[in-house]
């Protein structure tokens, strides 16, 4: 692994740092979350049409830049610093990789260029609250999270040559504003039970989308109801559903890598703001930051953030290697823990104002808690990574042989 960034990669960081510093102040972020879309449409337009950010990791033949996961992770890190509410994760981290992996050539040529330039946003709708399970981050995504023929999931049936969906999905990231939904649905009944992905347009009759109140306003979520909605099967079909589950797991690693980079950016900025504050705040006639105990606490946070950054960068590099190594879940666990610690220390060291809604520290605390609820918790991310690596079985075998 070469840990040195190229000039082009550094330019991505510099350009986004300059843009977000001007247009993503805490007040701007709060105002954007309260709009119907849940994000700044003008900012999203600039990220798409001017910078080509949604298409960074998409092939050039489909209108993308043809860069690697590292470039997209660097972009997410910069957006994470300011907690910018954008549909980038939902569009480029979840939907675009699935369309690239599973879609027919016609579907790719039709959808990917619009996703790449930001003119179309997309979201992944998973039944219930099983997004982390569906992505293979906290458990084996065997497909039972899609309903398994039981009530509570999303069911698909074929009638008169067309697919129809009915059911409900909760916690759909940016699902209320996305122009395209990728819906995971169960089909085949008990005899040929399998999970497939379907494309649903925003104007499909019978589609009802409701924005939900969420802990983290900068990560908008929606409830999606499908009332006998006509849908298009993503891809040419997968009789057993195994290809779909494999693609979801691979996308989960991609999303975890991007989330890890985003969390690192947020943790770093929370730490910077705290350091700035303790240098100015005086107690007993001297800056709070001059006390040794405060220095030790902030030094511990710094070490944790840097360790998380290293893990996130390695995961991004590994995702683009000739033989991809799926370590996104571990990187995400490290980054979420670092963000939780940095946000908690920010609240503590800001004293009496740190826990109020009027102060910006709560934005980072809610991002840490919200992401862990959606994609964690941390101990399950680590347990799943250990299970995937056969760590426990190998240790048991070593004990037996000894």
Protein backbone atom coordinates (compact mmCIF):
# COMPACT_ATOMS: atom_id res chain seq x y z
CA UNK A 1 0.00 0.00 0.00
CA UNK A 2 1.31 3.47 -0.98
CA UNK A 3 0.13 5.90 1.69
CA UNK A 4 1.13 8.97 -0.37
CA UNK A 5 -1.72 10.82 -2.05
CA UNK A 6 -1.34 11.99 -5.64
CA UNK A 7 -1.63 15.65 -6.58
CA UNK A 8 -5.09 14.96 -8.06
CA UNK A 9 -6.25 13.41 -4.79
CA UNK A 10 -4.91 16.35 -2.81
CA UNK A 11 -6.72 18.70 -5.18
CA UNK A 12 -10.02 16.95 -4.45
CA UNK A 13 -9.44 17.57 -0.75
CA UNK A 14 -8.45 21.23 -1.25
CA UNK A 15 -11.37 22.00 -3.56
CA UNK A 16 -13.95 20.47 -1.26
CA UNK A 17 -12.42 22.06 1.85
CA UNK A 18 -12.70 25.48 0.21
CA UNK A 19 -16.27 24.88 -0.98
CA UNK A 20 -17.60 23.43 2.27
CA UNK A 21 -15.92 26.09 4.39
CA UNK A 22 -17.90 28.74 2.50
CA UNK A 23 -21.21 26.96 2.02
CA UNK A 24 -21.52 24.48 4.90
CA UNK A 25 -21.32 26.49 8.07
CA UNK A 26 -23.26 25.02 11.01
CA UNK A 27 -26.09 27.47 10.31
CA UNK A 28 -26.14 26.45 6.65
CA UNK A 29 -26.29 22.77 7.61
CA UNK A 30 -29.15 23.31 10.04
CA UNK A 31 -31.09 25.33 7.46
CA UNK A 32 -30.55 22.69 4.77
CA UNK A 33 -31.86 19.88 6.97
CA UNK A 34 -35.13 21.75 7.44
CA UNK A 35 -35.89 22.07 3.74
CA UNK A 36 -38.30 19.61 2.07
CA UNK A 37 -35.40 17.84 0.35
CA UNK A 38 -33.36 17.62 3.55
CA UNK A 39 -30.29 18.98 1.82
CA UNK A 40 -29.09 22.07 -0.08
CA UNK A 41 -30.16 21.54 -3.69
CA UNK A 42 -27.77 24.24 -4.94
CA UNK A 43 -24.83 22.61 -3.16
CA UNK A 44 -25.78 19.19 -4.52
CA UNK A 45 -25.95 20.68 -8.01
CA UNK A 46 -22.47 22.15 -7.62
CA UNK A 47 -21.08 18.83 -6.34
CA UNK A 48 -22.61 17.02 -9.31
CA UNK A 49 -22.44 19.24 -12.39
CA UNK A 50 -19.36 21.29 -11.48
CA UNK A 51 -17.21 18.81 -9.56
CA UNK A 52 -18.57 15.47 -10.79
CA UNK A 53 -18.46 14.12 -7.26
CA UNK A 54 -21.24 11.50 -7.57
CA UNK A 55 -19.45 9.96 -10.55
CA UNK A 56 -15.95 9.83 -9.07
CA UNK A 57 -15.85 6.04 -8.79
CA UNK A 58 -18.03 5.27 -11.83
CA UNK A 59 -16.51 4.09 -15.15
CA UNK A 60 -15.88 6.75 -17.77
CA UNK A 61 -18.04 4.90 -20.31
CA UNK A 62 -21.04 5.67 -18.12
CA UNK A 63 -20.22 9.33 -17.60
CA UNK A 64 -18.10 8.87 -14.50
CA UNK A 65 -14.58 10.02 -13.71
CA UNK A 66 -13.13 6.52 -13.51
CA UNK A 67 -11.32 7.16 -10.22
CA UNK A 68 -10.93 4.71 -7.34
CA UNK A 69 -12.62 4.28 -3.99
CA UNK A 70 -9.82 6.33 -2.40
CA UNK A 71 -10.92 9.51 -4.19
CA UNK A 72 -14.53 9.02 -3.16
CA UNK A 73 -13.48 8.31 0.43
CA UNK A 74 -11.45 11.54 0.52
CA UNK A 75 -14.50 13.42 -0.71
CA UNK A 76 -16.67 11.84 1.99
CA UNK A 77 -14.09 12.73 4.62
CA UNK A 78 -14.29 16.41 3.69
CA UNK A 79 -18.10 16.36 3.66
CA UNK A 80 -18.04 14.59 7.00
CA UNK A 81 -16.01 17.40 8.56
CA UNK A 82 -18.94 19.78 8.14
CA UNK A 83 -21.69 17.13 8.41
CA UNK A 84 -22.93 18.22 4.99
CA UNK A 85 -26.37 16.70 4.33
CA UNK A 86 -26.14 15.40 0.75
CA UNK A 87 -27.47 12.28 -1.05
CA UNK A 88 -23.90 11.26 -1.95
CA UNK A 89 -23.78 8.20 0.30
CA UNK A 90 -27.21 6.95 -0.76
CA UNK A 91 -26.54 7.61 -4.46
CA UNK A 92 -22.85 6.81 -4.96
CA UNK A 93 -22.22 4.55 -2.00
CA UNK A 94 -25.31 2.33 -2.12
CA UNK A 95 -27.32 2.62 -5.34
CA UNK A 96 -24.69 3.19 -8.04
CA UNK A 97 -22.50 0.17 -7.11
CA UNK A 98 -25.55 -2.12 -7.18
CA UNK A 99 -26.68 -0.85 -10.59
CA UNK A 100 -23.13 -1.23 -11.90
CA UNK A 101 -22.83 -4.78 -10.57
CA UNK A 102 -26.30 -6.11 -11.34
CA UNK A 103 -27.91 -3.93 -13.98
CA UNK A 104 -28.31 -4.82 -17.62
CA UNK A 105 -26.29 -2.82 -20.13
CA UNK A 106 -29.38 -0.83 -21.04
CA UNK A 107 -30.07 -0.02 -17.37
CA UNK A 108 -26.49 1.08 -16.84
CA UNK A 109 -26.44 3.31 -19.91
CA UNK A 110 -29.76 4.86 -18.94
CA UNK A 111 -29.20 5.43 -15.22
CA UNK A 112 -25.49 5.73 -14.43
CA UNK A 113 -24.77 8.90 -16.45
CA UNK A 114 -27.61 10.68 -14.65
CA UNK A 115 -26.35 9.46 -11.29
CA UNK A 116 -22.82 10.56 -12.21
CA UNK A 117 -23.75 14.17 -12.93
CA UNK A 118 -26.10 14.47 -9.96
CA UNK A 119 -29.23 15.05 -12.05
CA UNK A 120 -30.69 11.86 -10.56
CA UNK A 121 -30.37 10.76 -6.94
CA UNK A 122 -31.11 7.24 -5.77
CA UNK A 123 -31.76 5.37 -2.54
CA UNK A 124 -31.69 1.76 -1.37
CA UNK A 125 -34.93 0.66 0.30
CA UNK A 126 -34.56 -2.33 2.62
CA UNK A 127 -37.56 -3.74 4.53
CA UNK A 128 -37.83 -3.09 8.22
CA UNK A 129 -34.77 -1.79 10.04
CA UNK A 130 -32.32 -4.32 8.64
CA UNK A 131 -30.06 -2.12 6.49
CA UNK A 132 -26.86 -3.16 8.29
CA UNK A 133 -27.86 -6.84 8.05
CA UNK A 134 -28.81 -6.56 4.37
CA UNK A 135 -25.38 -5.09 3.65
CA UNK A 136 -23.67 -7.92 5.53
CA UNK A 137 -22.11 -5.58 8.09
CA UNK A 138 -23.40 -7.06 11.35
CA UNK A 139 -24.66 -10.49 10.28
CA UNK A 140 -24.81 -12.86 7.36
CA UNK A 141 -27.28 -11.42 4.84
CA UNK A 142 -29.08 -14.69 4.20
CA UNK A 143 -32.11 -12.85 2.83
CA UNK A 144 -34.60 -13.38 5.67
CA UNK A 145 -34.45 -9.62 6.38
CA UNK A 146 -36.48 -9.11 3.16
CA UNK A 147 -39.56 -10.73 4.65
CA UNK A 148 -39.07 -14.37 3.78
CA UNK A 149 -42.67 -14.68 2.62
CA UNK A 150 -43.96 -13.33 5.93
CA UNK A 151 -45.76 -10.12 6.73
CA UNK A 152 -43.63 -7.08 7.43
CA UNK A 153 -41.32 -7.25 4.43
CA UNK A 154 -41.62 -6.19 0.81
CA UNK A 155 -43.10 -8.82 -1.49
CA UNK A 156 -42.78 -9.02 -5.26
CA UNK A 157 -45.08 -10.88 -7.60
CA UNK A 158 -45.24 -11.12 -11.35
CA UNK A 159 -48.63 -10.38 -12.92
CA UNK A 160 -49.49 -9.84 -16.59
CA UNK A 161 -45.84 -9.63 -17.59
CA UNK A 162 -44.93 -6.97 -15.01
CA UNK A 163 -43.52 -7.01 -11.48
CA UNK A 164 -45.65 -5.56 -8.69
CA UNK A 165 -44.37 -4.69 -5.22
CA UNK A 166 -46.23 -4.31 -1.97
CA UNK A 167 -44.95 -3.78 1.55
CA UNK A 168 -43.03 -1.21 3.52
CA UNK A 169 -39.42 -0.16 4.11
CA UNK A 170 -38.24 1.90 7.07
CA UNK A 171 -35.11 4.00 7.53
CA UNK A 172 -34.49 4.60 3.82
CA UNK A 173 -31.63 7.08 3.57
CA UNK A 174 -32.77 10.08 1.49
CA UNK A 175 -35.73 7.99 0.41
CA UNK A 176 -38.18 10.91 0.53
CA UNK A 177 -36.32 12.92 -2.13
CA UNK A 178 -34.59 10.31 -4.32
CA UNK A 179 -35.65 10.19 -7.95
CA UNK A 180 -35.04 6.45 -8.09
CA UNK A 181 -35.51 3.71 -5.51
CA UNK A 182 -33.74 0.36 -5.45
CA UNK A 183 -36.11 -1.85 -3.50
CA UNK A 184 -35.07 -5.19 -2.03
CA UNK A 185 -38.07 -7.52 -2.18
CA UNK A 186 -38.82 -11.15 -1.45
CA UNK A 187 -40.30 -13.33 -4.13
CA UNK A 188 -40.89 -16.99 -4.88
CA UNK A 189 -42.87 -17.81 -1.74
CA UNK A 190 -41.50 -20.58 0.45
CA UNK A 191 -40.78 -22.95 -2.43
CA UNK A 192 -38.35 -20.68 -4.34
CA UNK A 193 -37.65 -18.05 -1.71
CA UNK A 194 -35.16 -15.42 -2.83
CA UNK A 195 -34.42 -11.71 -2.58
CA UNK A 196 -34.20 -9.56 -5.71
CA UNK A 197 -33.71 -5.84 -6.38
CA UNK A 198 -36.20 -3.71 -8.26
CA UNK A 199 -36.16 -0.19 -9.73
CA UNK A 200 -39.02 2.09 -8.75
CA UNK A 201 -39.40 5.61 -10.18
CA UNK A 202 -40.42 8.48 -7.92
CA UNK A 203 -43.70 9.03 -9.79
CA UNK A 204 -44.83 5.39 -9.71
CA UNK A 205 -48.55 5.09 -8.81
CA UNK A 206 -49.02 3.57 -5.36
CA UNK A 207 -45.67 4.78 -4.01
CA UNK A 208 -45.98 6.71 -0.74
CA UNK A 209 -42.90 8.28 0.86
CA UNK A 210 -42.87 10.01 4.22
CA UNK A 211 -39.89 11.73 5.75
CA UNK A 212 -39.30 10.49 9.29
CA UNK A 213 -38.09 12.34 12.34
CA UNK A 214 -34.60 11.02 12.99
CA UNK A 215 -32.01 11.46 15.70
CA UNK A 216 -29.54 12.92 13.20
CA UNK A 217 -31.22 15.53 11.02
CA UNK A 218 -28.19 15.63 8.71
CA UNK A 219 -28.92 12.01 7.72
CA UNK A 220 -32.53 12.22 6.41
CA UNK A 221 -34.59 9.03 6.49
CA UNK A 222 -37.95 8.09 5.07
CA UNK A 223 -40.63 5.43 5.32
CA UNK A 224 -41.45 4.00 1.91
CA UNK A 225 -44.80 2.31 1.35
CA UNK A 226 -45.39 0.28 -1.80
CA UNK A 227 -49.05 -0.30 -2.55
CA UNK A 228 -49.09 -2.62 -5.55
CA UNK A 229 -46.41 -0.56 -7.30
CA UNK A 230 -45.14 -1.49 -10.74
CA UNK A 231 -41.38 -2.06 -10.73
CA UNK A 232 -38.56 -3.07 -13.05
CA UNK A 233 -36.30 -5.96 -12.13
CA UNK A 234 -32.67 -4.87 -11.74
CA UNK A 235 -30.61 -7.06 -14.04
CA UNK A 236 -31.58 -10.00 -16.17
CA UNK A 237 -32.74 -12.12 -13.25
CA UNK A 238 -31.15 -14.34 -10.61
CA UNK A 239 -33.05 -17.57 -10.09
CA UNK A 240 -31.50 -18.29 -6.70
CA UNK A 241 -30.88 -14.74 -5.46
CA UNK A 242 -27.29 -15.53 -4.53
CA UNK A 243 -25.85 -12.96 -6.95
CA UNK A 244 -27.99 -10.23 -5.40
CA UNK A 245 -26.92 -11.12 -1.86
CA UNK A 246 -23.27 -11.15 -2.92
CA UNK A 247 -23.63 -7.74 -4.56
CA UNK A 248 -25.29 -6.36 -1.42
CA UNK A 249 -22.42 -7.63 0.73
CA UNK A 250 -19.84 -6.07 -1.59
CA UNK A 251 -21.77 -2.80 -1.57
CA UNK A 252 -21.89 -2.99 2.22
CA UNK A 253 -18.11 -3.01 2.33
CA UNK A 254 -18.01 -0.02 -0.02
CA UNK A 255 -20.55 1.89 2.05
CA UNK A 256 -18.73 1.04 5.29
CA UNK A 257 -15.48 2.38 3.84
CA UNK A 258 -17.12 5.65 2.84
CA UNK A 259 -18.88 5.94 6.20
CA UNK A 260 -15.58 5.33 7.98
CA UNK A 261 -13.91 8.17 6.05
CA UNK A 262 -16.89 10.42 6.74
CA UNK A 263 -16.78 9.63 10.47
CA UNK A 264 -13.05 10.35 10.56
CA UNK A 265 -13.66 13.78 9.05
CA UNK A 266 -16.39 14.51 11.59
CA UNK A 267 -14.25 13.29 14.51
CA UNK A 268 -11.30 15.39 13.41
CA UNK A 269 -13.41 18.53 13.15
CA UNK A 270 -15.06 17.90 16.53
CA UNK A 271 -11.59 17.59 18.06
CA UNK A 272 -10.38 20.78 16.33
CA UNK A 273 -13.35 22.76 17.61
CA UNK A 274 -12.76 21.45 21.14
CA UNK A 275 -9.07 22.37 21.06
CA UNK A 276 -9.94 25.86 19.84
CA UNK A 277 -12.43 26.27 22.67
CA UNK A 278 -10.20 25.09 25.54
CA UNK A 279 -7.48 27.48 24.39
CA UNK A 280 -9.88 30.41 24.78
CA UNK A 281 -11.97 29.37 27.79
CA UNK A 282 -10.37 30.44 31.08
CA UNK A 283 -10.87 28.94 34.51
CA UNK A 284 -8.99 29.93 37.68
CA UNK A 285 -7.19 32.59 35.68
CA UNK A 286 -5.74 30.33 32.98
CA UNK A 287 -6.95 28.60 29.78
CA UNK A 288 -8.74 25.32 30.40
CA UNK A 289 -6.51 23.68 27.81
CA UNK A 290 -3.42 24.35 29.92
CA UNK A 291 -4.51 21.81 32.55
CA UNK A 292 -2.69 18.50 32.24
CA UNK A 293 -5.82 16.38 32.59
CA UNK A 294 -7.45 18.17 29.65
CA UNK A 295 -4.30 17.74 27.56
CA UNK A 296 -4.27 14.02 28.28
CA UNK A 297 -7.92 13.61 27.31
CA UNK A 298 -7.47 15.45 24.02
CA UNK A 299 -4.26 13.56 23.26
CA UNK A 300 -6.13 10.28 23.67
CA UNK A 301 -8.81 11.48 21.24
CA UNK A 302 -6.15 12.56 18.74
CA UNK A 303 -4.51 9.14 18.78
CA UNK A 304 -7.87 7.44 18.32
CA UNK A 305 -8.80 9.68 15.38
CA UNK A 306 -5.46 9.08 13.65
CA UNK A 307 -5.80 5.32 14.10
CA UNK A 308 -9.29 5.48 12.60
CA UNK A 309 -7.98 7.52 9.68
CA UNK A 310 -5.33 4.92 8.95
CA UNK A 311 -7.94 2.16 9.02
CA UNK A 312 -10.28 4.10 6.70
CA UNK A 313 -7.52 4.84 4.19
CA UNK A 314 -6.43 1.22 4.20
CA UNK A 315 -10.01 0.05 3.62
CA UNK A 316 -10.31 2.46 0.67
CA UNK A 317 -7.05 1.21 -0.81
CA UNK A 318 -7.98 -2.43 -0.23
CA UNK A 319 -11.33 -1.95 -2.00
CA UNK A 320 -9.51 -0.94 -5.18
CA UNK A 321 -6.80 -3.60 -5.04
CA UNK A 322 -6.50 -6.34 -7.66
CA UNK A 323 -7.87 -8.79 -5.11
CA UNK A 324 -10.24 -6.69 -2.95
CA UNK A 325 -9.96 -7.26 0.78
CA UNK A 326 -13.20 -6.50 2.60
CA UNK A 327 -12.14 -4.61 5.70
CA UNK A 328 -14.67 -1.79 5.50
CA UNK A 329 -16.63 -3.07 8.50
CA UNK A 330 -13.57 -3.03 10.75
CA UNK A 331 -12.62 0.45 9.56
CA UNK A 332 -16.17 1.63 10.24
CA UNK A 333 -16.08 0.19 13.77
CA UNK A 334 -12.83 2.05 14.48
CA UNK A 335 -14.14 5.30 13.00
CA UNK A 336 -17.50 5.23 14.77
CA UNK A 337 -15.76 4.64 18.07
CA UNK A 338 -13.42 7.56 17.41
CA UNK A 339 -16.31 9.84 16.48
CA UNK A 340 -18.29 8.84 19.54
CA UNK A 341 -15.28 9.59 21.77
CA UNK A 342 -14.46 12.89 20.05
CA UNK A 343 -18.08 14.06 20.18
CA UNK A 344 -18.45 13.03 23.82
CA UNK A 345 -15.29 14.89 24.82
CA UNK A 346 -16.49 17.92 22.86
CA UNK A 347 -19.67 18.04 24.89
CA UNK A 348 -17.80 17.50 28.18
CA UNK A 349 -15.04 20.04 27.59
CA UNK A 350 -17.39 22.70 26.28
CA UNK A 351 -18.92 22.60 29.75
CA UNK A 352 -22.39 23.96 30.43
CA UNK A 353 -23.06 24.97 26.82
CA UNK A 354 -21.88 21.75 25.20
CA UNK A 355 -25.06 19.76 25.78
CA UNK A 356 -27.51 22.42 24.59
CA UNK A 357 -29.24 22.30 21.20
CA UNK A 358 -28.07 25.87 20.57
CA UNK A 359 -24.44 24.72 20.44
CA UNK A 360 -23.02 22.89 17.43
CA UNK A 361 -21.38 20.13 19.48
CA UNK A 362 -24.67 18.23 19.57
CA UNK A 363 -24.60 17.83 15.78
CA UNK A 364 -21.49 15.65 16.01
CA UNK A 365 -22.84 13.72 18.98
CA UNK A 366 -26.06 12.93 17.13
CA UNK A 367 -24.16 11.92 13.98
CA UNK A 368 -22.10 9.47 16.06
CA UNK A 369 -25.16 7.98 17.74
CA UNK A 370 -27.28 7.95 14.59
CA UNK A 371 -24.68 6.18 12.44
CA UNK A 372 -24.11 3.54 15.08
CA UNK A 373 -27.85 2.88 15.25
CA UNK A 374 -28.08 2.56 11.46
CA UNK A 375 -24.88 0.68 10.65
CA UNK A 376 -23.65 -0.79 13.92
CA UNK A 377 -23.29 -1.19 16.79
CA UNK A 378 -19.50 -1.26 16.96
CA UNK A 379 -19.21 -4.58 18.77
CA UNK A 380 -21.39 -6.29 16.17
CA UNK A 381 -19.34 -4.83 13.31
CA UNK A 382 -16.23 -6.33 14.87
CA UNK A 383 -17.91 -9.65 15.64
CA UNK A 384 -19.08 -9.95 12.04
CA UNK A 385 -15.58 -9.20 10.73
CA UNK A 386 -14.14 -11.86 13.03
CA UNK A 387 -16.76 -14.33 11.87
CA UNK A 388 -16.06 -13.61 8.19
CA UNK A 389 -12.35 -14.17 8.80
CA UNK A 390 -13.00 -17.48 10.63
CA UNK A 391 -11.09 -16.03 13.56
CA UNK A 392 -12.89 -18.00 16.25
CA UNK A 393 -12.78 -21.27 14.32
CA UNK A 394 -9.06 -20.85 13.67
CA UNK A 395 -8.39 -20.13 17.34
CA UNK A 396 -10.43 -23.17 18.39
CA UNK A 397 -8.60 -25.38 15.90
CA UNK A 398 -5.24 -24.13 17.21
CA UNK A 399 -6.26 -24.99 20.78
CA UNK A 400 -7.33 -28.49 19.76
CA UNK A 401 -4.10 -29.16 17.88
CA UNK A 402 -2.08 -27.85 20.83
